[in-house]
Amino acid sequence: MRDQKKIKIHETFGYAFNGIKALFEREWKFTLYSMVSIILIFLMIILKFTLIDAIIVIIMIGFVFACEALNTLVEIIFDELKPEYSSKIQKIKDASAAFVLISVITAIIVGVLIFWPYFNS
């Protein structure tokens, strides 16, 4: 285990970026979410979103990424701890996946509510 007192700030960011890289390598959904995020940000610029609308959309994008990262973490932990099938662990993984689904559905609803007036004006 690393000595927490000797870790420098650039090392901390290095670990975080390695984690992001690992998420992209493991989960194809991160690439999908990234492409959708780029399109949304491009549309926000083209449609001249207000600052508050842009902030809300960016928070929702981050929320979905964070939920997917948490779900991936749960899957990795349980795959390592107990590689063989377990109905109890499967329920935990399913609940974790539901967490992501809820975040995506919430983001879509919020996105429609925010984007709709810009397309109707």
C-alpha atoms as a PDB file:
ATOM      1  CA  MET A   1       0.000   0.000   0.000  1.00  0.00           C
ATOM      2  CA  ARG A   2       1.221   3.504  -0.793  1.00  0.00           C
ATOM      3  CA  ASP A   3       2.241   5.827   2.007  1.00  0.00           C
ATOM      4  CA  GLN A   4      -0.486   8.479   1.828  1.00  0.00           C
ATOM      5  CA  LYS A   5       1.744  11.220   3.293  1.00  0.00           C
ATOM      6  CA  LYS A   6       4.302  10.971   0.485  1.00  0.00           C
ATOM      7  CA  ILE A   7       1.900  11.129  -2.493  1.00  0.00           C
ATOM      8  CA  LYS A   8       2.318  14.331  -4.473  1.00  0.00           C
ATOM      9  CA  ILE A   9      -0.576  16.135  -6.141  1.00  0.00           C
ATOM     10  CA  HIS A  10       0.595  15.253  -9.678  1.00  0.00           C
ATOM     11  CA  GLU A  11       0.715  11.585  -8.665  1.00  0.00           C
ATOM     12  CA  THR A  12      -2.851  11.802  -7.396  1.00  0.00           C
ATOM     13  CA  PHE A  13      -4.032  13.182 -10.732  1.00  0.00           C
ATOM     14  CA  GLY A  14      -1.990  10.503 -12.481  1.00  0.00           C
ATOM     15  CA  TYR A  15      -3.866   7.782 -10.584  1.00  0.00           C
ATOM     16  CA  ALA A  16      -7.188   9.436 -11.428  1.00  0.00           C
ATOM     17  CA  PHE A  17      -6.345   9.679 -15.143  1.00  0.00           C
ATOM     18  CA  ASN A  18      -5.214   6.048 -15.114  1.00  0.00           C
ATOM     19  CA  GLY A  19      -8.611   5.208 -13.640  1.00  0.00           C
ATOM     20  CA  ILE A  20     -10.407   7.113 -16.383  1.00  0.00           C
ATOM     21  CA  LYS A  21      -8.297   5.340 -19.003  1.00  0.00           C
ATOM     22  CA  ALA A  22      -9.171   1.983 -17.415  1.00  0.00           C
ATOM     23  CA  LEU A  23     -12.871   2.855 -17.482  1.00  0.00           C
ATOM     24  CA  PHE A  24     -12.713   3.620 -21.204  1.00  0.00           C
ATOM     25  CA  GLU A  25     -10.830   0.382 -21.843  1.00  0.00           C
ATOM     26  CA  ARG A  26     -13.303  -1.722 -19.851  1.00  0.00           C
ATOM     27  CA  GLU A  27     -16.648  -0.103 -20.663  1.00  0.00           C
ATOM     28  CA  TRP A  28     -17.725   0.798 -24.206  1.00  0.00           C
ATOM     29  CA  LYS A  29     -20.450   2.971 -22.675  1.00  0.00           C
ATOM     30  CA  PHE A  30     -17.860   5.562 -21.678  1.00  0.00           C
ATOM     31  CA  THR A  31     -17.060   6.088 -25.351  1.00  0.00           C
ATOM     32  CA  LEU A  32     -20.774   6.338 -26.140  1.00  0.00           C
ATOM     33  CA  TYR A  33     -21.357   8.814 -23.296  1.00  0.00           C
ATOM     34  CA  SER A  34     -18.364  10.848 -24.486  1.00  0.00           C
ATOM     35  CA  MET A  35     -19.698  11.079 -28.034  1.00  0.00           C
ATOM     36  CA  VAL A  36     -23.150  12.092 -26.787  1.00  0.00           C
ATOM     37  CA  SER A  37     -21.546  14.647 -24.442  1.00  0.00           C
ATOM     38  CA  ILE A  38     -19.567  16.222 -27.279  1.00  0.00           C
ATOM     39  CA  ILE A  39     -22.731  16.511 -29.373  1.00  0.00           C
ATOM     40  CA  LEU A  40     -24.623  18.060 -26.456  1.00  0.00           C
ATOM     41  CA  ILE A  41     -21.867  20.586 -25.748  1.00  0.00           C
ATOM     42  CA  PHE A  42     -21.705  21.472 -29.443  1.00  0.00           C
ATOM     43  CA  LEU A  43     -25.498  22.004 -29.471  1.00  0.00           C
ATOM     44  CA  MET A  44     -25.309  24.136 -26.322  1.00  0.00           C
ATOM     45  CA  ILE A  45     -22.808  26.411 -28.082  1.00  0.00           C
ATOM     46  CA  ILE A  46     -24.789  26.577 -31.338  1.00  0.00           C
ATOM     47  CA  LEU A  47     -28.097  27.206 -29.552  1.00  0.00           C
ATOM     48  CA  LYS A  48     -26.483  29.783 -27.219  1.00  0.00           C
ATOM     49  CA  PHE A  49     -27.603  28.218 -23.965  1.00  0.00           C
ATOM     50  CA  THR A  50     -27.916  30.409 -20.915  1.00  0.00           C
ATOM     51  CA  LEU A  51     -25.244  29.839 -18.298  1.00  0.00           C
ATOM     52  CA  ILE A  52     -27.645  28.116 -15.896  1.00  0.00           C
ATOM     53  CA  ASP A  53     -28.947  25.748 -18.593  1.00  0.00           C
ATOM     54  CA  ALA A  54     -25.386  24.872 -19.628  1.00  0.00           C
ATOM     55  CA  ILE A  55     -24.397  24.240 -16.005  1.00  0.00           C
ATOM     56  CA  ILE A  56     -27.367  21.916 -15.473  1.00  0.00           C
ATOM     57  CA  VAL A  57     -26.574  19.917 -18.626  1.00  0.00           C
ATOM     58  CA  ILE A  58     -22.891  19.630 -17.661  1.00  0.00           C
ATOM     59  CA  ILE A  59     -23.855  18.476 -14.144  1.00  0.00           C
ATOM     60  CA  MET A  60     -26.128  15.812 -15.640  1.00  0.00           C
ATOM     61  CA  ILE A  61     -23.344  14.644 -17.967  1.00  0.00           C
ATOM     62  CA  GLY A  62     -20.993  14.352 -14.998  1.00  0.00           C
ATOM     63  CA  PHE A  63     -23.686  12.578 -12.979  1.00  0.00           C
ATOM     64  CA  VAL A  64     -24.097   9.864 -15.632  1.00  0.00           C
ATOM     65  CA  PHE A  65     -20.319   9.383 -15.950  1.00  0.00           C
ATOM     66  CA  ALA A  66     -19.957   9.164 -12.154  1.00  0.00           C
ATOM     67  CA  CYS A  67     -22.780   6.609 -11.873  1.00  0.00           C
ATOM     68  CA  GLU A  68     -21.268   4.491 -14.631  1.00  0.00           C
ATOM     69  CA  ALA A  69     -17.860   4.677 -12.934  1.00  0.00           C
ATOM     70  CA  LEU A  70     -19.416   3.545  -9.652  1.00  0.00           C
ATOM     71  CA  ASN A  71     -21.200   0.679 -11.415  1.00  0.00           C
ATOM     72  CA  THR A  72     -17.949  -0.395 -13.067  1.00  0.00           C
ATOM     73  CA  LEU A  73     -16.204  -0.260  -9.687  1.00  0.00           C
ATOM     74  CA  VAL A  74     -18.850  -2.527  -8.145  1.00  0.00           C
ATOM     75  CA  GLU A  75     -18.494  -4.995 -11.025  1.00  0.00           C
ATOM     76  CA  ILE A  76     -14.689  -5.054 -10.815  1.00  0.00           C
ATOM     77  CA  ILE A  77     -14.663  -5.535  -7.049  1.00  0.00           C
ATOM     78  CA  PHE A  78     -17.105  -8.424  -7.085  1.00  0.00           C
ATOM     79  CA  ASP A  79     -15.550 -10.052 -10.165  1.00  0.00           C
ATOM     80  CA  GLU A  80     -12.212 -10.067  -8.326  1.00  0.00           C
ATOM     81  CA  LEU A  81     -13.543 -11.139  -4.930  1.00  0.00           C
ATOM     82  CA  LYS A  82     -15.844 -13.861  -6.184  1.00  0.00           C
ATOM     83  CA  PRO A  83     -15.343 -14.816  -9.851  1.00  0.00           C
ATOM     84  CA  GLU A  84     -17.864 -17.668  -9.690  1.00  0.00           C
ATOM     85  CA  TYR A  85     -21.559 -16.874 -10.054  1.00  0.00           C
ATOM     86  CA  SER A  86     -23.473 -15.848  -6.943  1.00  0.00           C
ATOM     87  CA  SER A  87     -27.137 -14.851  -6.981  1.00  0.00           C
ATOM     88  CA  LYS A  88     -26.519 -12.439  -4.094  1.00  0.00           C
ATOM     89  CA  ILE A  89     -23.683 -10.701  -5.921  1.00  0.00           C
ATOM     90  CA  GLN A  90     -25.746 -10.646  -9.108  1.00  0.00           C
ATOM     91  CA  LYS A  91     -28.462  -8.755  -7.224  1.00  0.00           C
ATOM     92  CA  ILE A  92     -25.874  -6.204  -6.075  1.00  0.00           C
ATOM     93  CA  LYS A  93     -24.585  -5.827  -9.637  1.00  0.00           C
ATOM     94  CA  ASP A  94     -28.147  -5.461 -10.939  1.00  0.00           C
ATOM     95  CA  ALA A  95     -28.893  -2.764  -8.373  1.00  0.00           C
ATOM     96  CA  SER A  96     -25.696  -0.984  -9.381  1.00  0.00           C
ATOM     97  CA  ALA A  97     -26.724  -1.171 -13.044  1.00  0.00           C
ATOM     98  CA  ALA A  98     -30.154   0.191 -12.082  1.00  0.00           C
ATOM     99  CA  PHE A  99     -28.366   3.154 -10.491  1.00  0.00           C
ATOM    100  CA  VAL A 100     -26.853   3.938 -13.904  1.00  0.00           C
ATOM    101  CA  LEU A 101     -30.163   3.460 -15.697  1.00  0.00           C
ATOM    102  CA  ILE A 102     -31.910   5.822 -13.296  1.00  0.00           C
ATOM    103  CA  SER A 103     -29.192   8.439 -13.860  1.00  0.00           C
ATOM    104  CA  VAL A 104     -29.470   8.103 -17.657  1.00  0.00           C
ATOM    105  CA  ILE A 105     -33.284   8.360 -17.600  1.00  0.00           C
ATOM    106  CA  THR A 106     -33.064  11.387 -15.296  1.00  0.00           C
ATOM    107  CA  ALA A 107     -30.468  13.016 -17.583  1.00  0.00           C
ATOM    108  CA  ILE A 108     -32.653  12.415 -20.641  1.00  0.00           C
ATOM    109  CA  ILE A 109     -35.712  13.946 -18.958  1.00  0.00           C
ATOM    110  CA  VAL A 110     -33.732  16.955 -17.748  1.00  0.00           C
ATOM    111  CA  GLY A 111     -32.120  17.275 -21.186  1.00  0.00           C
ATOM    112  CA  VAL A 112     -35.447  17.233 -23.008  1.00  0.00           C
ATOM    113  CA  LEU A 113     -36.884  19.828 -20.633  1.00  0.00           C
ATOM    114  CA  ILE A 114     -33.870  22.092 -21.139  1.00  0.00           C
ATOM    115  CA  PHE A 115     -33.316  21.588 -24.876  1.00  0.00           C
ATOM    116  CA  TRP A 116     -37.000  21.706 -25.914  1.00  0.00           C
ATOM    117  CA  PRO A 117     -37.470  25.502 -25.670  1.00  0.00           C
ATOM    118  CA  TYR A 118     -34.283  26.113 -27.692  1.00  0.00           C
ATOM    119  CA  PHE A 119     -35.566  23.972 -30.552  1.00  0.00           C
ATOM    120  CA  ASN A 120     -39.059  25.526 -30.428  1.00  0.00           C
ATOM    121  CA  SER A 121     -37.948  29.153 -30.612  1.00  0.00           C
END
